[in-house]
Amino acid sequence: MPFYVYAWIACIASASTIIITKLTSRFSIRNPWLFNFIWAFIILVFTIPPALYYHAGLPKDWWPVIVAGILAAAWNILYIQSMYKIEVSTLSPLFNFRLVFAVILGSVLFQEQLTTYQFILFIVILLGGILASLDEKLKVSSFFKPSIGIGLLAMLALALNNAVIKIALVNNSLWTANLWMAIVTFATFIPTLFLFKKDIKNITSQQVLPVIGMGILQTVTNAAANIAYSKNLSITSLIMAVPLSMIFAFLFSLFAPKLLEKHSLKIYAIRFIAAAIMIYCTLQLSK
């Protein structure tokens, strides 16, 4: 198949994962700590078979694997917490801040000089994030809520995680790193058992099955995206930047408004314009 087919498969699977995560947080798993624990366990289960197939062993360089695993746990915690507090059409554009943080980290860690143009792009992305958070009241203060802060911290944790993974892969094979990062991430959640121990006895298939579906979709996303990126980086990046989860959320608002969210067409127009601006600036930053 052409690379762009793989790119669209990855984009659809990724957006579907976000929607399922939101629906699960609203209707299935009410305790975010239980959600985190099940999600980390499912990721570990999905990681073990390919890791064994590719002969994963003990890491040669432990510290970046451990740090990356802990950062992955931080990302999971913050991302799931934000899912319980932020609408999909607001959270989705915040992913553009990941590259902003990555560029800043590159400047701090590797002394990469930031240009005036990059600073302008940062400011425009920030303004886009403010627009994407507006509701019917059209108050700028809506961006400065703790819930948005949690979402931004999630993107910072993700950017840090991606940076450390690159270091972990210098001396470790891909699947060795993947396996032990998943183990460290899951181990990080074990001390949180007391936060949901009362819910463990009542876990049902209706709670576990959506998370399994998320694991399958995430696996499809990673595999299809890797194939597409290996063939064409620029067009694949553009396709992956399409805010399909926002489009799905908008369609839900029209046909099933009680499931996810409901706003006026004006608000969705503002959010889509903001997302488009942020995506454009993000693509400029990635060049």
Protein backbone atom coordinates (compact mmCIF):
# COMPACT_ATOMS: atom_id res chain seq x y z
CA MET A 1 0.00 0.00 0.00
CA PRO A 2 1.12 3.62 -0.55
CA PHE A 3 2.69 5.31 2.49
CA TYR A 4 -0.17 7.81 2.79
CA VAL A 5 -2.65 4.97 3.36
CA TYR A 6 -0.56 3.86 6.35
CA ALA A 7 -0.43 7.48 7.53
CA TRP A 8 -4.21 7.82 7.41
CA ILE A 9 -4.63 4.47 9.19
CA ALA A 10 -2.32 5.74 11.94
CA CYS A 11 -4.16 9.06 12.14
CA ILE A 12 -7.60 7.40 12.38
CA ALA A 13 -6.38 4.86 14.95
CA SER A 14 -4.79 7.60 17.06
CA ALA A 15 -7.93 9.76 16.99
CA SER A 16 -10.08 6.74 17.84
CA THR A 17 -7.86 6.02 20.83
CA ILE A 18 -8.45 9.54 22.16
CA ILE A 19 -12.23 9.22 21.72
CA ILE A 20 -12.34 5.80 23.41
CA THR A 21 -10.19 7.15 26.25
CA LYS A 22 -12.64 10.01 26.79
CA LEU A 23 -15.71 7.77 26.63
CA THR A 24 -14.11 5.29 29.03
CA SER A 25 -13.31 8.08 31.50
CA ARG A 26 -16.91 9.31 31.37
CA PHE A 27 -18.93 6.12 31.39
CA SER A 28 -16.81 3.14 32.35
CA ILE A 29 -13.89 3.82 34.70
CA ARG A 30 -14.68 6.63 37.08
CA ASN A 31 -11.44 6.37 39.07
CA PRO A 32 -8.50 7.77 37.03
CA TRP A 33 -5.95 5.86 39.11
CA LEU A 34 -7.65 2.56 38.28
CA PHE A 35 -7.68 3.65 34.63
CA ASN A 36 -3.93 4.36 34.79
CA PHE A 37 -3.18 0.98 36.37
CA ILE A 38 -5.21 -1.02 33.83
CA TRP A 39 -3.77 0.99 30.92
CA ALA A 40 -0.18 0.43 32.08
CA PHE A 41 -0.87 -3.28 32.51
CA ILE A 42 -2.41 -3.61 29.04
CA ILE A 43 0.56 -1.78 27.48
CA LEU A 44 2.93 -4.21 29.23
CA VAL A 45 0.91 -7.22 28.03
CA PHE A 46 0.98 -5.95 24.43
CA THR A 47 4.71 -5.24 24.66
CA ILE A 48 5.87 -8.66 25.92
CA PRO A 49 5.09 -10.84 22.81
CA PRO A 50 6.99 -8.73 20.21
CA ALA A 51 9.78 -8.11 22.74
CA LEU A 52 10.25 -11.86 23.17
CA TYR A 53 10.01 -12.40 19.42
CA TYR A 54 12.80 -9.86 18.82
CA HIS A 55 14.94 -11.38 21.60
CA ALA A 56 14.81 -8.50 24.06
CA GLY A 57 17.26 -8.87 26.92
CA LEU A 58 18.64 -6.82 29.79
CA PRO A 59 19.45 -3.18 29.00
CA LYS A 60 23.09 -2.27 28.53
CA ASP A 61 22.37 1.27 29.71
CA TRP A 62 19.83 1.25 32.55
CA TRP A 63 19.40 4.85 33.64
CA PRO A 64 17.70 6.30 30.52
CA VAL A 65 15.36 3.28 30.39
CA ILE A 66 14.34 3.82 34.02
CA VAL A 67 13.91 7.58 33.57
CA ALA A 68 11.92 7.09 30.35
CA GLY A 69 9.66 4.58 32.11
CA ILE A 70 9.00 6.98 34.99
CA LEU A 71 8.32 9.82 32.55
CA ALA A 72 5.91 7.56 30.65
CA ALA A 73 4.08 6.98 33.93
CA ALA A 74 3.98 10.75 34.51
CA TRP A 75 2.59 11.23 30.99
CA ASN A 76 -0.08 8.56 31.60
CA ILE A 77 -1.13 10.10 34.91
CA LEU A 78 -1.38 13.65 33.57
CA TYR A 79 -2.98 12.62 30.27
CA ILE A 80 -5.67 10.49 31.93
CA GLN A 81 -6.30 13.18 34.56
CA SER A 82 -6.75 15.75 31.78
CA MET A 83 -9.17 13.41 29.99
CA TYR A 84 -11.43 13.57 33.05
CA LYS A 85 -11.33 17.37 33.09
CA ILE A 86 -10.91 18.67 29.51
CA GLU A 87 -13.05 18.29 26.41
CA VAL A 88 -11.56 16.46 23.42
CA SER A 89 -11.81 19.52 21.16
CA THR A 90 -9.76 21.49 23.72
CA LEU A 91 -7.26 18.77 24.62
CA SER A 92 -6.44 17.75 21.04
CA PRO A 93 -4.80 21.09 20.03
CA LEU A 94 -2.66 20.99 23.19
CA PHE A 95 -0.63 18.18 21.59
CA ASN A 96 0.99 20.90 19.45
CA PHE A 97 2.74 22.16 22.58
CA ARG A 98 4.75 18.93 22.65
CA LEU A 99 7.02 20.18 19.85
CA VAL A 100 7.30 23.59 21.53
CA PHE A 101 8.60 21.89 24.66
CA ALA A 102 10.85 19.65 22.56
CA VAL A 103 12.48 22.66 20.88
CA ILE A 104 12.95 24.38 24.24
CA LEU A 105 14.45 21.20 25.72
CA GLY A 106 16.81 20.98 22.74
CA SER A 107 17.92 24.51 23.49
CA VAL A 108 18.46 23.82 27.20
CA LEU A 109 20.01 20.35 26.96
CA PHE A 110 21.97 20.65 23.72
CA GLN A 111 22.61 24.41 23.59
CA GLU A 112 20.63 24.72 20.35
CA GLN A 113 20.06 28.41 19.65
CA LEU A 114 16.46 29.58 19.38
CA THR A 115 15.71 32.01 16.57
CA THR A 116 13.41 35.02 16.61
CA TYR A 117 11.14 33.18 14.18
CA GLN A 118 10.83 30.26 16.60
CA PHE A 119 9.86 32.62 19.44
CA ILE A 120 7.15 34.12 17.21
CA LEU A 121 5.86 30.63 16.45
CA PHE A 122 5.81 29.84 20.19
CA ILE A 123 3.69 32.93 20.86
CA VAL A 124 1.28 32.12 18.02
CA ILE A 125 0.89 28.53 19.28
CA LEU A 126 0.20 29.89 22.78
CA LEU A 127 -2.46 32.23 21.38
CA GLY A 128 -3.92 29.32 19.42
CA GLY A 129 -4.10 27.29 22.63
CA ILE A 130 -6.01 30.11 24.29
CA LEU A 131 -8.49 30.25 21.38
CA ALA A 132 -8.93 26.47 21.43
CA SER A 133 -9.95 26.61 25.10
CA LEU A 134 -12.71 29.21 24.63
CA ASP A 135 -16.30 28.29 25.37
CA GLU A 136 -19.57 30.22 24.92
CA LYS A 137 -18.45 32.84 27.48
CA LEU A 138 -15.40 33.65 25.29
CA LYS A 139 -13.26 34.37 28.36
CA VAL A 140 -9.48 34.23 27.92
CA SER A 141 -9.26 33.08 31.55
CA SER A 142 -10.60 29.69 30.44
CA PHE A 143 -7.07 28.84 29.23
CA PHE A 144 -5.56 29.55 32.65
CA LYS A 145 -7.55 26.91 34.52
CA PRO A 146 -5.77 24.13 36.46
CA SER A 147 -7.24 21.56 34.04
CA ILE A 148 -5.44 23.17 31.08
CA GLY A 149 -2.28 23.28 33.18
CA ILE A 150 -2.54 19.52 33.71
CA GLY A 151 -2.88 19.03 29.95
CA LEU A 152 0.19 21.18 29.28
CA LEU A 153 2.18 19.30 31.94
CA ALA A 154 1.16 16.08 30.18
CA MET A 155 2.64 17.41 26.93
CA LEU A 156 5.83 18.44 28.76
CA ALA A 157 6.13 14.95 30.24
CA LEU A 158 5.61 13.46 26.77
CA ALA A 159 8.30 15.69 25.26
CA LEU A 160 10.73 14.76 28.05
CA ASN A 161 9.87 11.09 27.59
CA ASN A 162 10.57 11.27 23.84
CA ALA A 163 13.91 13.00 24.48
CA VAL A 164 15.04 10.37 27.00
CA ILE A 165 13.88 7.49 24.76
CA LYS A 166 16.31 8.73 22.10
CA ILE A 167 19.11 8.48 24.68
CA ALA A 168 17.91 5.03 25.77
CA LEU A 169 18.09 3.74 22.20
CA VAL A 170 21.75 4.71 21.78
CA ASN A 171 23.04 1.65 23.63
CA ASN A 172 19.89 -0.48 23.90
CA SER A 173 17.91 -2.29 21.21
CA LEU A 174 14.42 -1.02 20.44
CA TRP A 175 12.49 -3.90 21.98
CA THR A 176 14.77 -4.23 24.99
CA ALA A 177 14.10 -0.57 25.73
CA ASN A 178 10.36 -0.91 25.02
CA LEU A 179 10.02 -3.95 27.30
CA TRP A 180 11.84 -2.53 30.28
CA MET A 181 10.26 0.91 29.94
CA ALA A 182 6.85 -0.79 30.06
CA ILE A 183 7.93 -2.77 33.13
CA VAL A 184 9.21 0.36 34.90
CA THR A 185 6.02 2.26 34.00
CA PHE A 186 3.80 -0.50 35.38
CA ALA A 187 5.96 -0.84 38.51
CA THR A 188 5.58 2.91 39.07
CA PHE A 189 1.81 2.46 39.40
CA ILE A 190 1.97 -0.37 41.96
CA PRO A 191 2.34 2.06 44.92
CA THR A 192 -0.92 3.73 43.80
CA LEU A 193 -2.94 0.60 44.58
CA PHE A 194 -4.33 2.17 47.76
CA LEU A 195 -5.98 4.87 45.64
CA PHE A 196 -8.29 2.36 43.96
CA LYS A 197 -8.11 -0.82 46.07
CA LYS A 198 -11.87 -0.61 46.76
CA ASP A 199 -12.55 -0.62 43.01
CA ILE A 200 -10.42 -3.69 42.22
CA LYS A 201 -13.07 -6.11 43.47
CA ASN A 202 -15.64 -4.57 41.14
CA ILE A 203 -13.63 -4.52 37.90
CA THR A 204 -15.82 -5.69 35.00
CA SER A 205 -15.24 -6.64 31.39
CA GLN A 206 -16.95 -3.39 30.39
CA GLN A 207 -14.06 -1.55 32.03
CA VAL A 208 -11.25 -3.73 30.69
CA LEU A 209 -12.44 -4.23 27.09
CA PRO A 210 -12.23 -0.53 26.09
CA VAL A 211 -8.66 -0.37 27.42
CA ILE A 212 -7.78 -3.50 25.44
CA GLY A 213 -9.26 -1.75 22.41
CA MET A 214 -7.04 1.26 23.18
CA GLY A 215 -4.02 -1.07 23.31
CA ILE A 216 -4.87 -2.58 19.93
CA LEU A 217 -5.42 0.86 18.37
CA GLN A 218 -2.18 2.17 19.85
CA THR A 219 -0.32 -0.81 18.40
CA VAL A 220 -1.88 -0.11 14.98
CA THR A 221 -0.98 3.60 15.31
CA ASN A 222 2.66 2.90 16.10
CA ALA A 223 3.12 0.27 13.38
CA ALA A 224 1.35 2.21 10.61
CA ALA A 225 3.00 5.52 11.53
CA ASN A 226 6.47 3.98 11.57
CA ILE A 227 5.94 2.53 8.10
CA ALA A 228 4.62 5.85 6.76
CA TYR A 229 7.40 7.92 8.37
CA SER A 230 10.02 5.62 6.89
CA LYS A 231 8.68 6.33 3.37
CA ASN A 232 7.87 10.05 3.55
CA LEU A 233 8.42 12.21 6.62
CA SER A 234 6.89 15.53 5.56
CA ILE A 235 3.55 14.34 4.13
CA THR A 236 3.13 11.77 6.90
CA SER A 237 3.71 14.50 9.50
CA LEU A 238 1.05 16.62 7.80
CA ILE A 239 -1.48 13.77 7.79
CA MET A 240 -0.73 12.86 11.41
CA ALA A 241 -1.33 16.50 12.36
CA VAL A 242 -4.92 16.44 11.06
CA PRO A 243 -7.11 16.92 14.19
CA LEU A 244 -9.39 13.95 13.54
CA SER A 245 -10.26 13.60 17.22
CA MET A 246 -11.63 17.16 17.11
CA ILE A 247 -13.64 16.30 14.00
CA PHE A 248 -15.00 13.17 15.71
CA ALA A 249 -15.91 15.23 18.79
CA PHE A 250 -17.69 17.77 16.59
CA LEU A 251 -19.68 15.00 14.86
CA PHE A 252 -20.62 13.55 18.24
CA SER A 253 -21.86 17.01 19.27
CA LEU A 254 -24.23 16.99 16.28
CA PHE A 255 -25.54 13.43 16.47
CA ALA A 256 -24.94 12.36 20.09
CA PRO A 257 -24.39 15.55 22.13
CA LYS A 258 -24.72 13.80 25.50
CA LEU A 259 -21.79 11.45 24.86
CA LEU A 260 -18.84 13.85 24.68
CA GLU A 261 -19.54 17.58 24.47
CA LYS A 262 -21.85 20.15 22.97
CA HIS A 263 -21.04 23.71 21.83
CA SER A 264 -22.31 26.20 19.29
CA LEU A 265 -21.02 26.14 15.72
CA LYS A 266 -19.26 29.45 16.45
CA ILE A 267 -17.17 27.88 19.22
CA TYR A 268 -16.24 24.90 17.08
CA ALA A 269 -15.29 27.23 14.23
CA ILE A 270 -12.98 29.15 16.58
CA ARG A 271 -11.44 25.92 17.90
CA PHE A 272 -10.84 24.51 14.41
CA ILE A 273 -9.26 27.76 13.22
CA ALA A 274 -7.06 27.79 16.34
CA ALA A 275 -6.06 24.17 15.76
CA ALA A 276 -5.21 24.89 12.11
CA ILE A 277 -2.99 27.82 13.12
CA MET A 278 -1.25 25.74 15.79
CA ILE A 279 -0.68 22.85 13.36
CA TYR A 280 0.82 25.19 10.78
CA CYS A 281 3.19 26.71 13.34
CA THR A 282 4.11 23.26 14.64
CA LEU A 283 4.98 22.06 11.15
CA GLN A 284 7.12 25.18 10.68
CA LEU A 285 8.93 24.40 13.94
CA SER A 286 9.63 20.83 12.83
CA LYS A 287 11.47 21.94 9.68
